[in-house]
Amino acid sequence: MAMESARLDATFAALADPTRRAILARLATGAATVNELAEPFDMTQPAVSKHLKVLESAGLVTTDRDGQRRPRRLQPARLAEANAWLEQYREFWESSFRRLDDVLVELQPRKSPRQPRSRRRGH
């Protein structure tokens, strides 16, 4: 349990940064080198490498060796773990909202059958 908690902590800490989330989004389309990942950002290659190190230590990214190239790949298993943890809370809230909907329906005033209005003549 402590190991799972530490992995979730590392995953959510890595996901807290918008640049790292953008890097993961890019890697979801396929492997990329550090230079390729740095292209859309206004930052140096060493700065992108620091972000990649955080993602790698969280288990979200791995590095392959392809001759001189070292492409990074997304590792979806950690994201799946985080999603499973979040899913528990989604189910809790959906159940809570369904119960609230039921209570609100019960609190609605009951409508009585409409009585036909008599028309007034002569005005």
PDB file of N, CA and C in Angstrom:
ATOM      1  N   MET A   1       0.825  -1.194   0.000  1.00  0.00           N
ATOM      2  CA  MET A   1       0.000   0.000   0.000  1.00  0.00           C
ATOM      3  C   MET A   1       0.870   1.260   0.000  1.00  0.00           C
ATOM      4  N   ALA A   2       1.952   1.249   0.782  1.00  0.00           N
ATOM      5  CA  ALA A   2       2.850   2.409   0.832  1.00  0.00           C
ATOM      6  C   ALA A   2       3.530   2.615  -0.518  1.00  0.00           C
ATOM      7  N   MET A   3       3.881   1.502  -1.184  1.00  0.00           N
ATOM      8  CA  MET A   3       4.527   1.608  -2.489  1.00  0.00           C
ATOM      9  C   MET A   3       3.552   2.194  -3.514  1.00  0.00           C
ATOM     10  N   GLU A   4       2.291   1.731  -3.466  1.00  0.00           N
ATOM     11  CA  GLU A   4       1.274   2.248  -4.380  1.00  0.00           C
ATOM     12  C   GLU A   4       1.054   3.735  -4.121  1.00  0.00           C
ATOM     13  N   SER A   5       1.036   4.120  -2.858  1.00  0.00           N
ATOM     14  CA  SER A   5       0.857   5.529  -2.502  1.00  0.00           C
ATOM     15  C   SER A   5       2.022   6.374  -3.009  1.00  0.00           C
ATOM     16  N   ALA A   6       3.232   5.868  -2.872  1.00  0.00           N
ATOM     17  CA  ALA A   6       4.408   6.603  -3.351  1.00  0.00           C
ATOM     18  C   ALA A   6       4.377   6.758  -4.871  1.00  0.00           C
ATOM     19  N   ARG A   7       3.915   5.712  -5.578  1.00  0.00           N
ATOM     20  CA  ARG A   7       3.810   5.800  -7.041  1.00  0.00           C
ATOM     21  C   ARG A   7       2.764   6.833  -7.443  1.00  0.00           C
ATOM     22  N   LEU A   8       1.621   6.830  -6.750  1.00  0.00           N
ATOM     23  CA  LEU A   8       0.590   7.829  -7.054  1.00  0.00           C
ATOM     24  C   LEU A   8       1.090   9.233  -6.762  1.00  0.00           C
ATOM     25  N   ASP A   9       1.805   9.401  -5.649  1.00  0.00           N
ATOM     26  CA  ASP A   9       2.370  10.711  -5.319  1.00  0.00           C
ATOM     27  C   ASP A   9       3.292  11.192  -6.439  1.00  0.00           C
ATOM     28  N   ALA A  10       4.162  10.312  -6.906  1.00  0.00           N
ATOM     29  CA  ALA A  10       5.103  10.677  -7.976  1.00  0.00           C
ATOM     30  C   ALA A  10       4.359  10.978  -9.271  1.00  0.00           C
ATOM     31  N   THR A  11       3.335  10.191  -9.569  1.00  0.00           N
ATOM     32  CA  THR A  11       2.558  10.414 -10.791  1.00  0.00           C
ATOM     33  C   THR A  11       1.862  11.764 -10.755  1.00  0.00           C
ATOM     34  N   PHE A  12       1.153  12.045  -9.667  1.00  0.00           N
ATOM     35  CA  PHE A  12       0.423  13.312  -9.588  1.00  0.00           C
ATOM     36  C   PHE A  12       1.369  14.504  -9.499  1.00  0.00           C
ATOM     37  N   ALA A  13       2.512  14.342  -8.856  1.00  0.00           N
ATOM     38  CA  ALA A  13       3.496  15.431  -8.818  1.00  0.00           C
ATOM     39  C   ALA A  13       4.015  15.718 -10.225  1.00  0.00           C
ATOM     40  N   ALA A  14       4.269  14.661 -10.994  1.00  0.00           N
ATOM     41  CA  ALA A  14       4.741  14.846 -12.368  1.00  0.00           C
ATOM     42  C   ALA A  14       3.657  15.495 -13.234  1.00  0.00           C
ATOM     43  N   LEU A  15       2.414  15.107 -13.015  1.00  0.00           N
ATOM     44  CA  LEU A  15       1.310  15.638 -13.811  1.00  0.00           C
ATOM     45  C   LEU A  15       0.924  17.062 -13.415  1.00  0.00           C
ATOM     46  N   ALA A  16       1.427  17.534 -12.300  1.00  0.00           N
ATOM     47  CA  ALA A  16       1.060  18.869 -11.817  1.00  0.00           C
ATOM     48  C   ALA A  16       1.601  19.980 -12.709  1.00  0.00           C
ATOM     49  N   ASP A  17       2.607  19.692 -13.487  1.00  0.00           N
ATOM     50  CA  ASP A  17       3.238  20.714 -14.330  1.00  0.00           C
ATOM     51  C   ASP A  17       2.665  20.681 -15.740  1.00  0.00           C
ATOM     52  N   PRO A  18       2.217  21.822 -16.267  1.00  0.00           N
ATOM     53  CA  PRO A  18       1.622  21.835 -17.605  1.00  0.00           C
ATOM     54  C   PRO A  18       2.600  21.446 -18.719  1.00  0.00           C
ATOM     55  N   THR A  19       3.870  21.759 -18.551  1.00  0.00           N
ATOM     56  CA  THR A  19       4.851  21.365 -19.576  1.00  0.00           C
ATOM     57  C   THR A  19       4.971  19.851 -19.631  1.00  0.00           C
ATOM     58  N   ARG A  20       5.012  19.226 -18.479  1.00  0.00           N
ATOM     59  CA  ARG A  20       5.109  17.757 -18.454  1.00  0.00           C
ATOM     60  C   ARG A  20       3.852  17.119 -19.028  1.00  0.00           C
ATOM     61  N   ARG A  21       2.684  17.709 -18.750  1.00  0.00           N
ATOM     62  CA  ARG A  21       1.452  17.175 -19.351  1.00  0.00           C
ATOM     63  C   ARG A  21       1.492  17.321 -20.863  1.00  0.00           C
ATOM     64  N   ALA A  22       2.033  18.432 -21.356  1.00  0.00           N
ATOM     65  CA  ALA A  22       2.156  18.636 -22.807  1.00  0.00           C
ATOM     66  C   ALA A  22       3.133  17.631 -23.410  1.00  0.00           C
ATOM     67  N   ILE A  23       4.210  17.346 -22.707  1.00  0.00           N
ATOM     68  CA  ILE A  23       5.171  16.341 -23.181  1.00  0.00           C
ATOM     69  C   ILE A  23       4.484  14.976 -23.268  1.00  0.00           C
ATOM     70  N   LEU A  24       3.713  14.621 -22.252  1.00  0.00           N
ATOM     71  CA  LEU A  24       2.998  13.338 -22.287  1.00  0.00           C
ATOM     72  C   LEU A  24       1.999  13.300 -23.435  1.00  0.00           C
ATOM     73  N   ALA A  25       1.315  14.415 -23.669  1.00  0.00           N
ATOM     74  CA  ALA A  25       0.359  14.467 -24.789  1.00  0.00           C
ATOM     75  C   ALA A  25       1.080  14.236 -26.108  1.00  0.00           C
ATOM     76  N   ARG A  26       2.253  14.830 -26.255  1.00  0.00           N
ATOM     77  CA  ARG A  26       3.033  14.624 -27.474  1.00  0.00           C
ATOM     78  C   ARG A  26       3.472  13.172 -27.591  1.00  0.00           C
ATOM     79  N   LEU A  27       3.934  12.584 -26.487  1.00  0.00           N
ATOM     80  CA  LEU A  27       4.389  11.197 -26.521  1.00  0.00           C
ATOM     81  C   LEU A  27       3.241  10.218 -26.747  1.00  0.00           C
ATOM     82  N   ALA A  28       2.020  10.633 -26.472  1.00  0.00           N
ATOM     83  CA  ALA A  28       0.860   9.775 -26.741  1.00  0.00           C
ATOM     84  C   ALA A  28       0.689   9.544 -28.243  1.00  0.00           C
ATOM     85  N   THR A  29       1.284  10.421 -29.059  1.00  0.00           N
ATOM     86  CA  THR A  29       1.213  10.249 -30.512  1.00  0.00           C
ATOM     87  C   THR A  29       2.363   9.414 -31.052  1.00  0.00           C
ATOM     88  N   GLY A  30       3.357   9.114 -30.210  1.00  0.00           N
ATOM     89  CA  GLY A  30       4.488   8.300 -30.638  1.00  0.00           C
ATOM     90  C   GLY A  30       5.773   8.750 -29.970  1.00  0.00           C
ATOM     91  N   ALA A  31       6.787   7.920 -30.080  1.00  0.00           N
ATOM     92  CA  ALA A  31       8.082   8.197 -29.465  1.00  0.00           C
ATOM     93  C   ALA A  31       8.706   9.453 -30.058  1.00  0.00           C
ATOM     94  N   ALA A  32       9.536  10.129 -29.255  1.00  0.00           N
ATOM     95  CA  ALA A  32      10.202  11.355 -29.718  1.00  0.00           C
ATOM     96  C   ALA A  32      11.499  11.550 -28.956  1.00  0.00           C
ATOM     97  N   THR A  33      12.443  12.193 -29.599  1.00  0.00           N
ATOM     98  CA  THR A  33      13.712  12.519 -28.950  1.00  0.00           C
ATOM     99  C   THR A  33      13.542  13.801 -28.131  1.00  0.00           C
ATOM    100  N   VAL A  34      14.544  14.100 -27.321  1.00  0.00           N
ATOM    101  CA  VAL A  34      14.514  15.326 -26.511  1.00  0.00           C
ATOM    102  C   VAL A  34      14.406  16.547 -27.423  1.00  0.00           C
ATOM    103  N   ASN A  35      15.184  16.575 -28.500  1.00  0.00           N
ATOM    104  CA  ASN A  35      15.128  17.710 -29.428  1.00  0.00           C
ATOM    105  C   ASN A  35      13.743  17.857 -30.050  1.00  0.00           C
ATOM    106  N   GLU A  36      13.135  16.751 -30.424  1.00  0.00           N
ATOM    107  CA  GLU A  36      11.784  16.811 -30.985  1.00  0.00           C
ATOM    108  C   GLU A  36      10.780  17.302 -29.945  1.00  0.00           C
ATOM    109  N   LEU A  37      10.961  16.876 -28.709  1.00  0.00           N
ATOM    110  CA  LEU A  37      10.054  17.316 -27.644  1.00  0.00           C
ATOM    111  C   LEU A  37      10.260  18.784 -27.288  1.00  0.00           C
ATOM    112  N   ALA A  38      11.471  19.275 -27.453  1.00  0.00           N
ATOM    113  CA  ALA A  38      11.780  20.672 -27.098  1.00  0.00           C
ATOM    114  C   ALA A  38      11.244  21.665 -28.124  1.00  0.00           C
ATOM    115  N   GLU A  39      11.015  21.225 -29.366  1.00  0.00           N
ATOM    116  CA  GLU A  39      10.619  22.133 -30.454  1.00  0.00           C
ATOM    117  C   GLU A  39       9.463  23.070 -30.122  1.00  0.00           C
ATOM    118  N   PRO A  40       8.332  22.585 -29.606  1.00  0.00           N
ATOM    119  CA  PRO A  40       7.201  23.499 -29.415  1.00  0.00           C
ATOM    120  C   PRO A  40       7.322  24.398 -28.179  1.00  0.00           C
ATOM    121  N   PHE A  41       8.319  24.181 -27.362  1.00  0.00           N
ATOM    122  CA  PHE A  41       8.447  24.934 -26.117  1.00  0.00           C
ATOM    123  C   PHE A  41       9.498  26.027 -26.234  1.00  0.00           C
ATOM    124  N   ASP A  42       9.279  27.092 -25.506  1.00  0.00           N
ATOM    125  CA  ASP A  42      10.254  28.179 -25.439  1.00  0.00           C
ATOM    126  C   ASP A  42      11.203  27.884 -24.282  1.00  0.00           C
ATOM    127  N   MET A  43      11.932  26.764 -24.417  1.00  0.00           N
ATOM    128  CA  MET A  43      12.891  26.388 -23.381  1.00  0.00           C
ATOM    129  C   MET A  43      14.032  25.599 -24.004  1.00  0.00           C
ATOM    130  N   THR A  44      15.086  25.500 -23.259  1.00  0.00           N
ATOM    131  CA  THR A  44      16.272  24.817 -23.763  1.00  0.00           C
ATOM    132  C   THR A  44      16.085  23.303 -23.698  1.00  0.00           C
ATOM    133  N   GLN A  45      16.926  22.617 -24.441  1.00  0.00           N
ATOM    134  CA  GLN A  45      16.912  21.152 -24.395  1.00  0.00           C
ATOM    135  C   GLN A  45      17.226  20.646 -22.990  1.00  0.00           C
ATOM    136  N   PRO A  46      18.198  21.251 -22.243  1.00  0.00           N
ATOM    137  CA  PRO A  46      18.426  20.777 -20.880  1.00  0.00           C
ATOM    138  C   PRO A  46      17.202  20.961 -19.967  1.00  0.00           C
ATOM    139  N   ALA A  47      16.416  22.012 -20.177  1.00  0.00           N
ATOM    140  CA  ALA A  47      15.207  22.212 -19.369  1.00  0.00           C
ATOM    141  C   ALA A  47      14.177  21.117 -19.663  1.00  0.00           C
ATOM    142  N   VAL A  48      14.033  20.767 -20.941  1.00  0.00           N
ATOM    143  CA  VAL A  48      13.128  19.682 -21.307  1.00  0.00           C
ATOM    144  C   VAL A  48      13.641  18.374 -20.720  1.00  0.00           C
ATOM    145  N   SER A  49      14.953  18.170 -20.720  1.00  0.00           N
ATOM    146  CA  SER A  49      15.543  16.958 -20.142  1.00  0.00           C
ATOM    147  C   SER A  49      15.215  16.837 -18.664  1.00  0.00           C
ATOM    148  N   LYS A  50      15.188  17.957 -17.953  1.00  0.00           N
ATOM    149  CA  LYS A  50      14.824  17.929 -16.527  1.00  0.00           C
ATOM    150  C   LYS A  50      13.376  17.474 -16.348  1.00  0.00           C
ATOM    151  N   HIS A  51      12.498  17.974 -17.212  1.00  0.00           N
ATOM    152  CA  HIS A  51      11.098  17.536 -17.149  1.00  0.00           C
ATOM    153  C   HIS A  51      11.000  16.039 -17.449  1.00  0.00           C
ATOM    154  N   LEU A  52      11.758  15.588 -18.439  1.00  0.00           N
ATOM    155  CA  LEU A  52      11.743  14.164 -18.782  1.00  0.00           C
ATOM    156  C   LEU A  52      12.257  13.307 -17.633  1.00  0.00           C
ATOM    157  N   LYS A  53      13.241  13.812 -16.901  1.00  0.00           N
ATOM    158  CA  LYS A  53      13.767  13.059 -15.762  1.00  0.00           C
ATOM    159  C   LYS A  53      12.678  12.859 -14.701  1.00  0.00           C
ATOM    160  N   VAL A  54      11.876  13.891 -14.462  1.00  0.00           N
ATOM    161  CA  VAL A  54      10.762  13.776 -13.510  1.00  0.00           C
ATOM    162  C   VAL A  54       9.751  12.754 -14.013  1.00  0.00           C
ATOM    163  N   LEU A  55       9.417  12.830 -15.302  1.00  0.00           N
ATOM    164  CA  LEU A  55       8.468  11.883 -15.883  1.00  0.00           C
ATOM    165  C   LEU A  55       8.995  10.457 -15.841  1.00  0.00           C
ATOM    166  N   GLU A  56      10.288  10.289 -16.089  1.00  0.00           N
ATOM    167  CA  GLU A  56      10.889   8.954 -16.040  1.00  0.00           C
ATOM    168  C   GLU A  56      10.909   8.412 -14.617  1.00  0.00           C
ATOM    169  N   SER A  57      11.252   9.257 -13.636  1.00  0.00           N
ATOM    170  CA  SER A  57      11.294   8.770 -12.261  1.00  0.00           C
ATOM    171  C   SER A  57       9.894   8.432 -11.748  1.00  0.00           C
ATOM    172  N   ALA A  58       8.857   9.044 -12.330  1.00  0.00           N
ATOM    173  CA  ALA A  58       7.481   8.709 -11.974  1.00  0.00           C
ATOM    174  C   ALA A  58       6.989   7.469 -12.724  1.00  0.00           C
ATOM    175  N   GLY A  59       7.789   6.970 -13.660  1.00  0.00           N
ATOM    176  CA  GLY A  59       7.406   5.792 -14.424  1.00  0.00           C
ATOM    177  C   GLY A  59       6.457   6.081 -15.566  1.00  0.00           C
ATOM    178  N   LEU A  60       6.334   7.338 -15.933  1.00  0.00           N
ATOM    179  CA  LEU A  60       5.421   7.719 -17.009  1.00  0.00           C
ATOM    180  C   LEU A  60       6.072   7.681 -18.383  1.00  0.00           C
ATOM    181  N   VAL A  61       7.396   7.709 -18.416  1.00  0.00           N
ATOM    182  CA  VAL A  61       8.150   7.752 -19.669  1.00  0.00           C
ATOM    183  C   VAL A  61       9.354   6.819 -19.546  1.00  0.00           C
ATOM    184  N   THR A  62       9.698   6.170 -20.633  1.00  0.00           N
ATOM    185  CA  THR A  62      10.927   5.376 -20.690  1.00  0.00           C
ATOM    186  C   THR A  62      11.782   5.866 -21.853  1.00  0.00           C
ATOM    187  N   THR A  63      13.053   5.520 -21.796  1.00  0.00           N
ATOM    188  CA  THR A  63      13.991   5.879 -22.853  1.00  0.00           C
ATOM    189  C   THR A  63      14.421   4.611 -23.574  1.00  0.00           C
ATOM    190  N   ASP A  64      14.304   4.636 -24.898  1.00  0.00           N
ATOM    191  CA  ASP A  64      14.769   3.535 -25.725  1.00  0.00           C
ATOM    192  C   ASP A  64      16.128   3.899 -26.297  1.00  0.00           C
ATOM    193  N   ARG A  65      16.831   2.910 -26.806  1.00  0.00           N
ATOM    194  CA  ARG A  65      18.090   3.160 -27.508  1.00  0.00           C
ATOM    195  C   ARG A  65      17.921   2.695 -28.941  1.00  0.00           C
ATOM    196  N   ASP A  66      18.152   3.622 -29.847  1.00  0.00           N
ATOM    197  CA  ASP A  66      18.017   3.336 -31.274  1.00  0.00           C
ATOM    198  C   ASP A  66      19.247   3.929 -31.957  1.00  0.00           C
ATOM    199  N   GLY A  67      20.364   3.203 -31.861  1.00  0.00           N
ATOM    200  CA  GLY A  67      21.631   3.725 -32.393  1.00  0.00           C
ATOM    201  C   GLY A  67      22.042   4.950 -31.593  1.00  0.00           C
ATOM    202  N   GLN A  68      22.191   6.078 -32.260  1.00  0.00           N
ATOM    203  CA  GLN A  68      22.558   7.328 -31.586  1.00  0.00           C
ATOM    204  C   GLN A  68      21.340   8.001 -30.938  1.00  0.00           C
ATOM    205  N   ARG A  69      20.182   7.649 -31.418  1.00  0.00           N
ATOM    206  CA  ARG A  69      18.952   8.267 -30.897  1.00  0.00           C
ATOM    207  C   ARG A  69      18.537   7.632 -29.579  1.00  0.00           C
ATOM    208  N   ARG A  70      17.902   8.434 -28.730  1.00  0.00           N
ATOM    209  CA  ARG A  70      17.354   7.950 -27.468  1.00  0.00           C
ATOM    210  C   ARG A  70      15.901   8.441 -27.345  1.00  0.00           C
ATOM    211  N   PRO A  71      15.020   7.831 -28.159  1.00  0.00           N
ATOM    212  CA  PRO A  71      13.626   8.290 -28.124  1.00  0.00           C
ATOM    213  C   PRO A  71      12.945   7.945 -26.792  1.00  0.00           C
ATOM    214  N   ARG A  72      12.065   8.833 -26.378  1.00  0.00           N
ATOM    215  CA  ARG A  72      11.265   8.611 -25.169  1.00  0.00           C
ATOM    216  C   ARG A  72       9.913   8.074 -25.594  1.00  0.00           C
ATOM    217  N   ARG A  73       9.369   7.199 -24.749  1.00  0.00           N
ATOM    218  CA  ARG A  73       8.055   6.605 -25.000  1.00  0.00           C
ATOM    219  C   ARG A  73       7.181   6.765 -23.764  1.00  0.00           C
ATOM    220  N   LEU A  74       5.913   6.949 -24.012  1.00  0.00           N
ATOM    221  CA  LEU A  74       4.921   7.014 -22.947  1.00  0.00           C
ATOM    222  C   LEU A  74       4.716   5.626 -22.360  1.00  0.00           C
ATOM    223  N   GLN A  75       4.631   5.547 -21.052  1.00  0.00           N
ATOM    224  CA  GLN A  75       4.320   4.299 -20.364  1.00  0.00           C
ATOM    225  C   GLN A  75       2.939   4.457 -19.724  1.00  0.00           C
ATOM    226  N   PRO A  76       1.908   3.961 -20.376  1.00  0.00           N
ATOM    227  CA  PRO A  76       0.543   4.228 -19.920  1.00  0.00           C
ATOM    228  C   PRO A  76       0.137   3.518 -18.632  1.00  0.00           C
ATOM    229  N   ALA A  77       0.900   2.551 -18.167  1.00  0.00           N
ATOM    230  CA  ALA A  77       0.495   1.794 -16.972  1.00  0.00           C
ATOM    231  C   ALA A  77       0.336   2.706 -15.754  1.00  0.00           C
ATOM    232  N   ARG A  78       1.257   3.655 -15.571  1.00  0.00           N
ATOM    233  CA  ARG A  78       1.139   4.558 -14.409  1.00  0.00           C
ATOM    234  C   ARG A  78      -0.066   5.480 -14.532  1.00  0.00           C
ATOM    235  N   LEU A  79      -0.352   5.912 -15.746  1.00  0.00           N
ATOM    236  CA  LEU A  79      -1.548   6.723 -15.952  1.00  0.00           C
ATOM    237  C   LEU A  79      -2.802   5.897 -15.661  1.00  0.00           C
ATOM    238  N   ALA A  80      -2.768   4.628 -16.014  1.00  0.00           N
ATOM    239  CA  ALA A  80      -3.901   3.747 -15.736  1.00  0.00           C
ATOM    240  C   ALA A  80      -4.098   3.589 -14.228  1.00  0.00           C
ATOM    241  N   GLU A  81      -3.006   3.497 -13.470  1.00  0.00           N
ATOM    242  CA  GLU A  81      -3.105   3.410 -12.006  1.00  0.00           C
ATOM    243  C   GLU A  81      -3.741   4.674 -11.437  1.00  0.00           C
ATOM    244  N   ALA A  82      -3.302   5.825 -11.914  1.00  0.00           N
ATOM    245  CA  ALA A  82      -3.866   7.094 -11.445  1.00  0.00           C
ATOM    246  C   ALA A  82      -5.341   7.182 -11.820  1.00  0.00           C
ATOM    247  N   ASN A  83      -5.676   6.757 -13.027  1.00  0.00           N
ATOM    248  CA  ASN A  83      -7.068   6.773 -13.454  1.00  0.00           C
ATOM    249  C   ASN A  83      -7.926   5.855 -12.590  1.00  0.00           C
ATOM    250  N   ALA A  84      -7.418   4.683 -12.249  1.00  0.00           N
ATOM    251  CA  ALA A  84      -8.168   3.750 -11.395  1.00  0.00           C
ATOM    252  C   ALA A  84      -8.422   4.365 -10.019  1.00  0.00           C
ATOM    253  N   TRP A  85      -7.429   5.075  -9.492  1.00  0.00           N
ATOM    254  CA  TRP A  85      -7.595   5.732  -8.194  1.00  0.00           C
ATOM    255  C   TRP A  85      -8.663   6.823  -8.292  1.00  0.00           C
ATOM    256  N   LEU A  86      -8.609   7.618  -9.348  1.00  0.00           N
ATOM    257  CA  LEU A  86      -9.593   8.682  -9.542  1.00  0.00           C
ATOM    258  C   LEU A  86     -10.987   8.111  -9.793  1.00  0.00           C
ATOM    259  N   GLU A  87     -11.057   6.989 -10.453  1.00  0.00           N
ATOM    260  CA  GLU A  87     -12.339   6.367 -10.785  1.00  0.00           C
ATOM    261  C   GLU A  87     -13.147   6.045  -9.530  1.00  0.00           C
ATOM    262  N   GLN A  88     -12.475   5.662  -8.460  1.00  0.00           N
ATOM    263  CA  GLN A  88     -13.176   5.382  -7.202  1.00  0.00           C
ATOM    264  C   GLN A  88     -13.956   6.607  -6.739  1.00  0.00           C
ATOM    265  N   TYR A  89     -13.349   7.760  -6.864  1.00  0.00           N
ATOM    266  CA  TYR A  89     -13.973   8.996  -6.423  1.00  0.00           C
ATOM    267  C   TYR A  89     -15.063   9.447  -7.383  1.00  0.00           C
ATOM    268  N   ARG A  90     -14.884   9.197  -8.669  1.00  0.00           N
ATOM    269  CA  ARG A  90     -15.940   9.513  -9.628  1.00  0.00           C
ATOM    270  C   ARG A  90     -17.185   8.710  -9.302  1.00  0.00           C
ATOM    271  N   GLU A  91     -16.999   7.411  -9.028  1.00  0.00           N
ATOM    272  CA  GLU A  91     -18.134   6.564  -8.684  1.00  0.00           C
ATOM    273  C   GLU A  91     -18.810   7.052  -7.404  1.00  0.00           C
ATOM    274  N   PHE A  92     -18.025   7.452  -6.412  1.00  0.00           N
ATOM    275  CA  PHE A  92     -18.581   7.977  -5.160  1.00  0.00           C
ATOM    276  C   PHE A  92     -19.441   9.206  -5.435  1.00  0.00           C
ATOM    277  N   TRP A  93     -18.898  10.157  -6.219  1.00  0.00           N
ATOM    278  CA  TRP A  93     -19.624  11.397  -6.474  1.00  0.00           C
ATOM    279  C   TRP A  93     -20.853  11.159  -7.330  1.00  0.00           C
ATOM    280  N   GLU A  94     -20.767  10.287  -8.308  1.00  0.00           N
ATOM    281  CA  GLU A  94     -21.949   9.996  -9.122  1.00  0.00           C
ATOM    282  C   GLU A  94     -23.048   9.392  -8.270  1.00  0.00           C
ATOM    283  N   SER A  95     -22.702   8.489  -7.372  1.00  0.00           N
ATOM    284  CA  SER A  95     -23.684   7.894  -6.469  1.00  0.00           C
ATOM    285  C   SER A  95     -24.284   8.954  -5.548  1.00  0.00           C
ATOM    286  N   SER A  96     -23.444   9.840  -5.036  1.00  0.00           N
ATOM    287  CA  SER A  96     -23.932  10.916  -4.166  1.00  0.00           C
ATOM    288  C   SER A  96     -24.889  11.833  -4.918  1.00  0.00           C
ATOM    289  N   PHE A  97     -24.565  12.169  -6.154  1.00  0.00           N
ATOM    290  CA  PHE A  97     -25.434  13.046  -6.937  1.00  0.00           C
ATOM    291  C   PHE A  97     -26.759  12.359  -7.275  1.00  0.00           C
ATOM    292  N   ARG A  98     -26.726  11.048  -7.531  1.00  0.00           N
ATOM    293  CA  ARG A  98     -27.982  10.327  -7.786  1.00  0.00           C
ATOM    294  C   ARG A  98     -28.873  10.365  -6.552  1.00  0.00           C
ATOM    295  N   ARG A  99     -28.285  10.165  -5.370  1.00  0.00           N
ATOM    296  CA  ARG A  99     -29.074  10.229  -4.137  1.00  0.00           C
ATOM    297  C   ARG A  99     -29.632  11.636  -3.933  1.00  0.00           C
ATOM    298  N   LEU A 100     -28.822  12.657  -4.215  1.00  0.00           N
ATOM    299  CA  LEU A 100     -29.290  14.034  -4.096  1.00  0.00           C
ATOM    300  C   LEU A 100     -30.433  14.296  -5.070  1.00  0.00           C
ATOM    301  N   ASP A 101     -30.319  13.808  -6.288  1.00  0.00           N
ATOM    302  CA  ASP A 101     -31.413  13.960  -7.259  1.00  0.00           C
ATOM    303  C   ASP A 101     -32.701  13.341  -6.730  1.00  0.00           C
ATOM    304  N   ASP A 102     -32.587  12.146  -6.114  1.00  0.00           N
ATOM    305  CA  ASP A 102     -33.772  11.483  -5.566  1.00  0.00           C
ATOM    306  C   ASP A 102     -34.417  12.326  -4.461  1.00  0.00           C
ATOM    307  N   VAL A 103     -33.599  12.892  -3.591  1.00  0.00           N
ATOM    308  CA  VAL A 103     -34.117  13.731  -2.508  1.00  0.00           C
ATOM    309  C   VAL A 103     -34.787  14.975  -3.078  1.00  0.00           C
ATOM    310  N   LEU A 104     -34.177  15.598  -4.057  1.00  0.00           N
ATOM    311  CA  LEU A 104     -34.751  16.798  -4.658  1.00  0.00           C
ATOM    312  C   LEU A 104     -36.094  16.503  -5.333  1.00  0.00           C
ATOM    313  N   VAL A 105     -36.210  15.357  -5.962  1.00  0.00           N
ATOM    314  CA  VAL A 105     -37.478  14.972  -6.583  1.00  0.00           C
ATOM    315  C   VAL A 105     -38.540  14.804  -5.501  1.00  0.00           C
ATOM    316  N   GLU A 106     -38.179  14.174  -4.395  1.00  0.00           N
ATOM    317  CA  GLU A 106     -39.128  13.984  -3.295  1.00  0.00           C
ATOM    318  C   GLU A 106     -39.557  15.312  -2.677  1.00  0.00           C
ATOM    319  N   LEU A 107     -38.699  16.294  -2.692  1.00  0.00           N
ATOM    320  CA  LEU A 107     -39.018  17.589  -2.097  1.00  0.00           C
ATOM    321  C   LEU A 107     -39.860  18.483  -3.006  1.00  0.00           C
ATOM    322  N   GLN A 108     -39.975  18.131  -4.260  1.00  0.00           N
ATOM    323  CA  GLN A 108     -40.773  18.929  -5.187  1.00  0.00           C
ATOM    324  C   GLN A 108     -42.233  18.889  -4.750  1.00  0.00           C
ATOM    325  N   PRO A 109     -42.892  20.048  -4.772  1.00  0.00           N
ATOM    326  CA  PRO A 109     -44.318  20.038  -4.412  1.00  0.00           C
ATOM    327  C   PRO A 109     -45.105  19.228  -5.440  1.00  0.00           C
ATOM    328  N   ARG A 110     -46.046  18.514  -4.944  1.00  0.00           N
ATOM    329  CA  ARG A 110     -46.893  17.706  -5.819  1.00  0.00           C
ATOM    330  C   ARG A 110     -47.884  18.628  -6.525  1.00  0.00           C
ATOM    331  N   LYS A 111     -48.012  18.446  -7.801  1.00  0.00           N
ATOM    332  CA  LYS A 111     -48.962  19.252  -8.561  1.00  0.00           C
ATOM    333  C   LYS A 111     -50.332  18.599  -8.475  1.00  0.00           C
ATOM    334  N   SER A 112     -51.324  19.412  -8.150  1.00  0.00           N
ATOM    335  CA  SER A 112     -52.682  18.888  -8.109  1.00  0.00           C
ATOM    336  C   SER A 112     -53.252  18.946  -9.525  1.00  0.00           C
ATOM    337  N   PRO A 113     -54.251  18.113  -9.784  1.00  0.00           N
ATOM    338  CA  PRO A 113     -54.846  18.149 -11.122  1.00  0.00           C
ATOM    339  C   PRO A 113     -55.407  19.543 -11.390  1.00  0.00           C
ATOM    340  N   ARG A 114     -55.290  20.009 -12.597  1.00  0.00           N
ATOM    341  CA  ARG A 114     -55.755  21.360 -12.956  1.00  0.00           C
ATOM    342  C   ARG A 114     -57.275  21.434 -12.938  1.00  0.00           C
ATOM    343  N   GLN A 115     -57.717  22.485 -12.362  1.00  0.00           N
ATOM    344  CA  GLN A 115     -59.141  22.784 -12.386  1.00  0.00           C
ATOM    345  C   GLN A 115     -59.398  23.678 -13.602  1.00  0.00           C
ATOM    346  N   PRO A 116     -60.418  23.383 -14.383  1.00  0.00           N
ATOM    347  CA  PRO A 116     -60.685  24.250 -15.536  1.00  0.00           C
ATOM    348  C   PRO A 116     -61.100  25.645 -15.061  1.00  0.00           C
ATOM    349  N   ARG A 117     -60.594  26.642 -15.712  1.00  0.00           N
ATOM    350  CA  ARG A 117     -60.940  28.017 -15.358  1.00  0.00           C
ATOM    351  C   ARG A 117     -62.270  28.383 -16.019  1.00  0.00           C
ATOM    352  N   SER A 118     -63.054  29.132 -15.291  1.00  0.00           N
ATOM    353  CA  SER A 118     -64.276  29.633 -15.909  1.00  0.00           C
ATOM    354  C   SER A 118     -63.944  30.944 -16.584  1.00  0.00           C
ATOM    355  N   ARG A 119     -64.508  31.147 -17.724  1.00  0.00           N
ATOM    356  CA  ARG A 119     -64.238  32.384 -18.458  1.00  0.00           C
ATOM    357  C   ARG A 119     -65.231  33.437 -18.028  1.00  0.00           C
ATOM    358  N   ARG A 120     -64.720  34.593 -17.875  1.00  0.00           N
ATOM    359  CA  ARG A 120     -65.572  35.725 -17.526  1.00  0.00           C
ATOM    360  C   ARG A 120     -66.001  36.417 -18.803  1.00  0.00           C
ATOM    361  N   ARG A 121     -67.255  36.729 -18.866  1.00  0.00           N
ATOM    362  CA  ARG A 121     -67.775  37.383 -20.055  1.00  0.00           C
ATOM    363  C   ARG A 121     -68.211  38.791 -19.705  1.00  0.00           C
ATOM    364  N   GLY A 122     -68.205  39.583 -20.699  1.00  0.00           N
ATOM    365  CA  GLY A 122     -68.763  40.892 -20.535  1.00  0.00           C
ATOM    366  C   GLY A 122     -67.761  41.986 -20.319  1.00  0.00           C
ATOM    367  N   HIS A 123     -66.508  41.744 -20.401  1.00  0.00           N
ATOM    368  CA  HIS A 123     -65.529  42.823 -20.260  1.00  0.00           C
ATOM    369  C   HIS A 123     -65.061  43.317 -21.549  1.00  0.00           C
TER     370      HIS A 123
END
